[in-house]
Protein backbone atom coordinates (compact mmCIF):
# COMPACT_ATOMS: atom_id res chain seq x y z
CA MET A 1 76.97 84.42 74.59
CA SER A 2 75.62 85.98 71.41
CA THR A 3 77.14 88.00 68.99
CA PRO A 4 75.40 91.33 68.07
CA ASP A 5 75.22 91.74 64.35
CA ILE A 6 77.52 94.31 63.08
CA ASP A 7 76.73 96.59 60.08
CA THR A 8 79.93 96.76 57.93
CA SER A 9 78.32 98.54 55.03
CA LYS A 10 79.29 102.05 54.14
CA ASP A 11 76.46 103.48 56.25
CA ALA A 12 78.44 102.19 59.06
CA ASP A 13 81.58 104.59 58.49
CA ASP A 14 80.06 107.16 60.97
CA ALA A 15 79.63 104.53 63.38
CA LEU A 16 83.40 103.57 63.02
CA THR A 17 84.48 107.11 63.53
CA ILE A 18 82.84 107.82 66.21
CA ALA A 19 84.12 104.20 67.99
CA LEU A 20 87.63 105.36 67.08
CA ALA A 21 86.98 108.56 68.84
CA GLU A 22 85.75 107.14 71.97
CA TYR A 23 88.71 104.74 72.11
CA ASN A 24 91.17 107.68 71.65
CA ALA A 25 89.43 109.52 74.52
CA LEU A 26 89.12 106.67 76.61
CA SER A 27 93.06 106.11 76.15
CA ASP A 28 93.58 109.76 77.10
CA TRP A 29 91.44 109.46 80.27
CA GLN A 30 93.13 106.31 81.21
CA LYS A 31 96.41 108.20 81.03
CA ALA A 32 95.36 111.19 83.04
CA LEU A 33 93.97 108.78 85.82
CA ARG A 34 97.15 107.02 86.12
CA ASP A 35 99.09 110.23 86.12
CA GLN A 36 96.68 111.76 88.94
CA SER A 37 96.92 108.64 91.12
CA ALA A 38 100.97 108.68 90.76
CA ALA A 39 101.10 112.28 91.79
CA ARG A 40 98.67 111.86 94.79
CA PHE A 41 100.45 108.85 95.82
CA ASN A 42 103.87 110.60 95.51
CA PHE A 43 102.81 113.72 97.27
CA PHE A 44 101.60 111.69 100.26
CA LEU A 45 104.71 109.56 100.46
CA ALA A 46 106.81 112.76 100.45
CA ILE A 47 104.93 114.33 103.22
CA VAL A 48 104.85 111.37 105.10
CA THR A 49 108.94 110.82 104.64
CA ALA A 50 109.52 114.46 105.44
CA VAL A 51 107.48 114.17 108.77
CA ALA A 52 109.03 110.66 109.57
CA ALA A 53 112.57 112.13 109.35
CA VAL A 54 111.58 115.26 111.65
CA SER A 55 109.85 112.98 114.22
CA GLY A 56 112.80 110.71 114.19
CA GLY A 57 115.13 113.51 115.06
CA LEU A 58 113.02 114.73 118.05
CA VAL A 59 112.48 111.40 119.49
CA SER A 60 116.28 110.31 118.94
CA GLY A 61 117.16 113.51 120.70
CA GLY A 62 116.33 112.76 124.38
CA ARG A 63 113.33 112.71 126.35
CA LEU A 64 110.39 114.79 124.68
CA SER A 65 109.01 117.61 126.50
CA GLU A 66 105.35 118.24 126.80
CA PRO A 67 105.05 120.77 123.78
CA ALA A 68 107.17 118.32 121.99
CA LYS A 69 104.64 115.48 122.65
CA GLY A 70 101.78 117.91 121.81
CA THR A 71 103.39 118.84 118.38
CA LEU A 72 104.24 115.23 117.22
CA GLY A 73 100.62 114.19 118.38
CA THR A 74 99.01 117.01 116.20
CA VAL A 75 101.14 116.17 113.02
CA GLY A 76 100.49 112.47 113.53
CA PHE A 77 96.79 113.27 113.36
CA LEU A 78 96.81 115.29 110.40
CA ILE A 79 99.16 112.97 108.55
CA LEU A 80 96.50 110.04 109.28
CA VAL A 81 93.86 112.47 108.17
CA LEU A 82 95.74 112.94 104.87
CA GLY A 83 96.43 109.26 104.59
CA LEU A 84 92.92 108.27 104.98
CA SER A 85 91.95 110.80 102.17
CA THR A 86 94.84 109.52 100.02
CA PHE A 87 93.79 106.09 100.41
CA LEU A 88 89.84 107.00 99.60
CA ARG A 89 91.03 108.92 96.76
CA GLN A 90 93.21 105.68 95.28
CA VAL A 91 90.36 103.54 95.63
CA GLU A 92 88.17 105.86 93.48
CA PHE A 93 90.80 106.15 91.14
CA SER A 94 91.09 102.15 91.17
CA GLN A 95 87.24 101.96 90.60
CA ARG A 96 87.53 104.55 87.65
CA GLY A 97 90.43 102.67 85.87
CA HIS A 98 88.38 99.29 86.04
CA ARG A 99 85.42 101.24 84.17
CA TYR A 100 87.41 102.86 81.98
CA ALA A 101 88.99 99.31 80.93
CA ALA A 102 85.78 97.77 80.58
CA ALA A 103 84.65 100.50 78.27
CA THR A 104 87.82 99.90 76.26
CA ASP A 105 87.32 96.30 76.20
CA ALA A 106 83.93 96.87 74.68
CA LEU A 107 85.03 99.24 72.09
CA ARG A 108 87.76 96.85 71.17
CA THR A 109 85.11 94.04 70.90
CA TYR A 110 82.97 96.08 68.62
CA LEU A 111 86.12 96.71 66.22
CA ALA A 112 86.90 93.11 66.30
CA ARG A 113 83.61 92.16 65.36
CA ARG A 114 83.52 94.43 62.62
CA SER A 115 86.70 93.15 60.96
CA THR A 116 86.83 89.19 61.73
CA SER A 117 90.11 89.05 59.50
CA VAL A 118 91.86 91.08 62.34
CA ALA A 119 90.19 89.60 65.32
CA PRO A 120 92.52 86.72 65.58
CA TYR A 121 95.48 88.92 65.81
CA LEU A 122 93.92 90.61 68.80
CA LEU A 123 95.60 88.84 71.54
CA MET A 124 94.37 91.28 74.40
CA PRO A 125 91.25 89.77 75.39
CA VAL A 126 88.04 90.96 74.05
CA LEU A 127 84.47 90.25 75.36
CA GLY A 128 83.73 86.57 75.39
CA ASP A 129 87.34 85.72 74.87
CA LEU A 130 89.93 84.94 77.20
CA GLY A 131 93.01 86.06 75.24
CA VAL A 132 96.56 85.53 76.33
CA ILE A 133 95.72 86.74 79.71
CA GLY A 134 93.34 84.08 81.05
CA THR A 135 90.50 84.05 83.44
CA THR A 136 92.06 86.47 85.76
CA TYR A 137 92.21 89.49 83.47
CA ARG A 138 90.60 92.61 85.13
CA GLU A 139 90.14 90.58 88.32
CA ARG A 140 92.12 90.67 91.84
CA THR A 141 93.39 87.38 92.57
CA GLY A 142 94.24 87.94 96.55
CA VAL A 143 94.97 89.95 99.23
CA LEU A 144 98.68 90.23 98.14
CA ARG A 145 97.80 91.81 94.93
CA ASP A 146 95.48 94.32 96.79
CA VAL A 147 98.41 95.18 99.30
CA MET A 148 100.83 95.71 96.40
CA SER A 149 98.28 98.08 94.53
CA LEU A 150 98.45 101.90 95.24
CA PRO A 151 95.54 102.21 97.45
CA GLY A 152 96.95 98.95 99.23
CA THR A 153 100.36 100.71 99.57
CA VAL A 154 98.71 103.76 101.30
CA GLY A 155 96.63 101.31 103.64
CA VAL A 156 100.00 99.89 104.83
CA ILE A 157 101.64 103.13 105.43
CA ASN A 158 98.56 104.25 107.38
CA SER A 159 98.17 101.20 109.48
CA ALA A 160 102.23 101.56 110.25
CA LEU A 161 101.70 105.17 111.02
CA LEU A 162 98.69 104.23 113.27
CA ALA A 163 100.45 101.43 114.94
CA LEU A 164 103.39 103.44 115.77
CA GLY A 165 101.22 106.22 117.21
CA ALA A 166 99.42 103.64 119.11
CA GLY A 167 102.43 101.69 120.53
CA PHE A 168 104.04 105.15 121.65
CA ALA A 169 100.84 106.26 123.43
CA THR A 170 100.85 103.12 125.16
CA GLY A 171 104.37 103.47 126.29
CA ILE A 172 104.07 106.84 127.57
CA TRP A 173 100.90 105.41 129.62
CA LEU A 174 102.15 102.30 130.69
CA ASP A 175 105.78 103.55 131.03
CA PHE A 176 107.09 101.33 128.26
CA THR A 177 106.20 98.00 129.52
CA VAL A 178 105.65 94.90 127.21
CA TRP A 179 102.15 96.28 125.94
CA PRO A 180 103.28 98.59 123.55
CA PRO A 181 104.69 96.21 120.92
CA ALA A 182 101.66 94.03 121.28
CA VAL A 183 99.43 97.24 121.06
CA ALA A 184 101.17 98.16 117.73
CA ALA A 185 100.89 94.84 116.12
CA ALA A 186 97.26 94.58 117.07
CA THR A 187 96.51 98.02 115.71
CA PHE A 188 98.49 97.39 112.39
CA LEU A 189 96.25 93.98 111.61
CA LEU A 190 93.19 95.71 112.47
CA SER A 191 93.83 98.73 110.46
CA MET A 192 95.23 96.85 107.18
CA THR A 193 92.07 94.38 107.60
CA LEU A 194 89.74 97.41 107.38
CA HIS A 195 91.50 98.86 104.51
CA ILE A 196 91.67 95.87 102.54
CA ARG A 197 88.29 95.05 103.33
CA HIS A 198 87.09 98.26 102.08
CA LEU A 199 89.36 97.94 98.69
CA ARG A 200 88.06 94.75 98.12
CA ARG A 201 84.45 95.81 98.33
CA ALA A 202 84.61 98.76 96.19
CA PHE A 203 86.28 96.47 93.58
CA THR A 204 83.40 94.01 93.98
CA ARG A 205 80.81 96.81 93.55
CA SER A 206 82.66 98.23 90.62
CA ARG A 207 82.82 94.76 88.92
CA THR A 208 79.14 94.08 89.87
CA GLU A 209 78.08 97.18 88.08
CA VAL A 210 79.98 96.61 85.26
CA ALA A 211 78.90 93.10 84.68
CA ALA A 212 75.31 94.23 85.03
CA LEU A 213 75.66 96.93 82.44
CA LEU A 214 76.97 94.35 80.09
CA ALA A 215 74.28 92.22 80.59
CA ALA A 216 71.84 94.95 79.97
CA ARG A 217 73.51 95.86 76.65
CA GLY A 218 73.70 91.98 75.58
CA LEU A 219 77.38 91.92 75.30
């Protein structure tokens, strides 16, 4: 990979000032993004926990009346809608975070190339350099990492709720035979597969767009 010539003369002071200002702005945007993502996740988790506690109390109280079943079904549907919205929002946050990270790397590379004496001490990777993190830097390495991410965790909760609802509905329809656990397990696996597939596609698309931009800029 070729290294662009960096102007280190006095005339480049304005460029350095702009680069540092942009770097600080990116840091602020990344912090705000993390705060938004955490706040959205905590709100969703609090709502799910509260609804699960109320629903558990109703179910453990004995045979449910028809109005109670209707209420549980309506609340469950609303929670699933909220869960899907939260998942899609978390995926968007992840994509934005990846792009902010790529922008930060580009600016760090510019600063490292301006001062070659400092570059060896920048242990975090810059463009064209593996650094101490290695080849997996900024990349997802497997399904487990996807599941452990915030959007992946939301996907797990969504899948569990959907599986619970499917198993409960099947039990009512088939009078609690052997089918409810099987239907719940199949629903969970299918839902998780769809969630993780969407998450990985979104990340791959974001990574491809970043790589194309870096190639177009000659970085």
